Amino acid sequence: MLLDLAHVALKVHDLQQSLDFYTRLGLREAFRLHHDDGSLMLVYLHAGGDRFVELFPGGEAPAGSPRQGSFMHLCLRVDDLHATVETLEQQGVPIDVQPKVGLDRNWQAWVTDPDGNAVELMQLDETSPQRRVARGETPHGPQ
């Protein structure tokens, strides 16, 4: 039985640059795993609860469109989107899309990580379909 999303794994070109970026977004390094020979396999960043983002070193240098293959974006939920964006701007993180309300009624803003991956920052609205499903309700109201 599915319980929750456990982690998202990204292969990154410059591990330290990616660690710096995701730390500014509010994730923190939780632990590292190493191969038998002692070399670094991956770094786990804690996103909240038992959810993580894994960063694997050794990725290719970013080039071209960030949306290659089936990966579209990583979404991180925040409690106050406007305050989060303000803090990121103060830290020098470029904001690609300023806060706006999406089709699902949630506030969203967008940034790009050092490897060209799109990262959505989202503040859930109490009337959004995501919140309604989480409460056990029908997302589109009575049929």
Protein backbone atom coordinates (compact mmCIF):
# COMPACT_ATOMS: atom_id res chain seq x y z
CA MET A 1 0.00 0.00 0.00
CA LEU A 2 1.39 3.39 -1.01
CA LEU A 3 1.99 5.68 1.97
CA ASP A 4 3.72 8.81 0.70
CA LEU A 5 6.39 10.19 -1.63
CA ALA A 6 9.78 9.23 -0.14
CA HIS A 7 12.32 11.12 -2.25
CA VAL A 8 13.25 12.62 -5.59
CA ALA A 9 16.72 11.83 -6.96
CA LEU A 10 18.72 14.26 -9.10
CA LYS A 11 22.10 13.67 -10.75
CA VAL A 12 24.01 16.94 -10.38
CA HIS A 13 27.04 18.32 -12.17
CA ASP A 14 28.52 20.42 -9.33
CA LEU A 15 27.54 18.89 -5.99
CA GLN A 16 28.64 21.84 -3.84
CA GLN A 17 26.82 24.35 -6.03
CA SER A 18 23.66 22.22 -5.82
CA LEU A 19 24.01 21.82 -2.04
CA ASP A 20 24.34 25.60 -1.70
CA PHE A 21 21.26 26.17 -3.88
CA TYR A 22 18.97 23.68 -2.14
CA THR A 23 20.15 24.85 1.28
CA ARG A 24 19.05 28.38 0.34
CA LEU A 25 15.64 26.93 -0.57
CA GLY A 26 15.38 25.58 2.98
CA LEU A 27 16.43 21.95 2.65
CA ARG A 28 19.20 20.76 4.92
CA GLU A 29 21.78 18.06 4.46
CA ALA A 30 20.67 15.02 6.43
CA PHE A 31 23.32 12.41 5.67
CA ARG A 32 25.61 10.97 3.01
CA LEU A 33 26.00 7.45 1.66
CA HIS A 34 29.32 6.12 0.36
CA HIS A 35 30.33 3.26 -1.93
CA ASP A 36 32.40 0.39 -0.53
CA ASP A 37 35.56 2.13 -1.78
CA GLY A 38 34.70 5.22 0.32
CA SER A 39 33.72 7.45 -2.59
CA LEU A 40 30.56 9.49 -2.24
CA MET A 41 27.44 7.88 -3.67
CA LEU A 42 24.81 10.51 -2.77
CA VAL A 43 23.74 13.22 -0.36
CA TYR A 44 20.29 13.18 1.24
CA LEU A 45 18.64 16.55 1.81
CA HIS A 46 15.76 16.64 4.27
CA ALA A 47 12.59 18.19 2.82
CA GLY A 48 10.34 17.53 5.82
CA GLY A 49 8.90 14.56 7.66
CA ASP A 50 10.34 11.48 6.01
CA ARG A 51 10.71 13.10 2.56
CA PHE A 52 14.06 13.80 0.97
CA VAL A 53 15.82 15.02 -2.16
CA GLU A 54 18.79 12.88 -3.17
CA LEU A 55 21.71 14.52 -4.96
CA PHE A 56 23.96 12.17 -6.92
CA PRO A 57 27.32 13.61 -8.05
CA GLY A 58 28.66 13.03 -11.55
CA GLY A 59 25.95 14.59 -13.68
CA GLU A 60 26.73 16.18 -17.01
CA ALA A 61 27.10 19.93 -17.32
CA PRO A 62 23.72 21.53 -17.93
CA ALA A 63 23.05 22.44 -21.55
CA GLY A 64 20.00 23.16 -23.63
CA SER A 65 16.47 22.72 -22.38
CA PRO A 66 16.13 21.71 -18.72
CA ARG A 67 13.11 19.56 -19.61
CA GLN A 68 14.65 16.51 -21.21
CA GLY A 69 13.15 13.07 -20.90
CA SER A 70 10.09 12.78 -18.69
CA PHE A 71 11.26 14.92 -15.76
CA MET A 72 9.30 18.19 -15.61
CA HIS A 73 10.04 19.81 -12.24
CA LEU A 74 10.48 19.38 -8.50
CA CYS A 75 7.85 21.03 -6.30
CA LEU A 76 8.63 22.10 -2.75
CA ARG A 77 5.76 23.13 -0.48
CA VAL A 78 6.28 26.28 1.61
CA ASP A 79 4.16 27.87 4.33
CA ASP A 80 4.48 31.51 3.17
CA LEU A 81 5.41 31.86 -0.50
CA HIS A 82 5.82 35.63 -0.52
CA ALA A 83 8.16 35.56 2.49
CA THR A 84 10.10 32.65 0.97
CA VAL A 85 10.58 34.50 -2.32
CA GLU A 86 11.65 37.65 -0.49
CA THR A 87 14.27 35.67 1.48
CA LEU A 88 15.55 33.93 -1.66
CA GLU A 89 15.87 37.25 -3.48
CA GLN A 90 17.86 38.64 -0.53
CA GLN A 91 20.15 35.59 -0.83
CA GLY A 92 20.68 36.24 -4.53
CA VAL A 93 18.54 33.39 -5.87
CA PRO A 94 16.99 34.49 -9.18
CA ILE A 95 13.21 34.07 -9.25
CA ASP A 96 12.13 32.92 -12.73
CA VAL A 97 8.40 33.41 -12.11
CA GLN A 98 7.23 35.71 -9.34
CA PRO A 99 4.39 34.53 -7.06
CA LYS A 100 1.10 33.96 -8.82
CA VAL A 101 -1.99 31.85 -8.32
CA GLY A 102 -2.10 28.68 -10.43
CA LEU A 103 -5.08 26.90 -11.93
CA ASP A 104 -5.35 24.80 -8.75
CA ARG A 105 -5.75 28.01 -6.67
CA ASN A 106 -2.35 27.51 -5.01
CA TRP A 107 0.30 30.22 -4.90
CA GLN A 108 3.41 29.30 -6.89
CA ALA A 109 6.77 30.76 -7.84
CA TRP A 110 9.57 29.20 -9.89
CA VAL A 111 13.36 29.01 -9.68
CA THR A 112 15.97 27.00 -11.57
CA ASP A 113 18.64 24.89 -9.88
CA PRO A 114 22.30 24.90 -11.00
CA ASP A 115 21.66 21.93 -13.32
CA GLY A 116 18.81 23.66 -15.12
CA ASN A 117 16.01 21.80 -13.32
CA ALA A 118 12.81 23.75 -12.74
CA VAL A 119 11.81 24.01 -9.08
CA GLU A 120 8.29 25.08 -8.16
CA LEU A 121 7.70 26.61 -4.76
CA MET A 122 4.06 26.17 -3.75
CA GLN A 123 1.85 27.42 -0.94
CA LEU A 124 -1.33 25.34 -0.73
CA ASP A 125 -4.67 27.13 -0.59
CA GLU A 126 -7.33 25.65 1.70
CA THR A 127 -9.75 25.45 -1.28
CA SER A 128 -7.26 23.76 -3.63
CA PRO A 129 -7.95 20.28 -4.99
CA GLN A 130 -4.81 18.99 -3.22
CA ARG A 131 -6.13 20.12 0.18
CA ARG A 132 -9.58 18.71 -0.58
CA VAL A 133 -8.16 15.30 -1.49
CA ALA A 134 -5.98 15.35 1.65
CA ARG A 135 -9.14 15.95 3.69
CA GLY A 136 -10.84 13.00 1.98
CA GLU A 137 -13.14 15.21 -0.09
CA THR A 138 -13.88 15.13 -3.79
CA PRO A 139 -11.47 17.57 -5.45
CA HIS A 140 -14.06 19.11 -7.81
CA GLY A 141 -16.99 19.25 -5.40
CA PRO A 142 -20.21 17.28 -5.63
CA GLN A 143 -20.87 15.74 -9.04
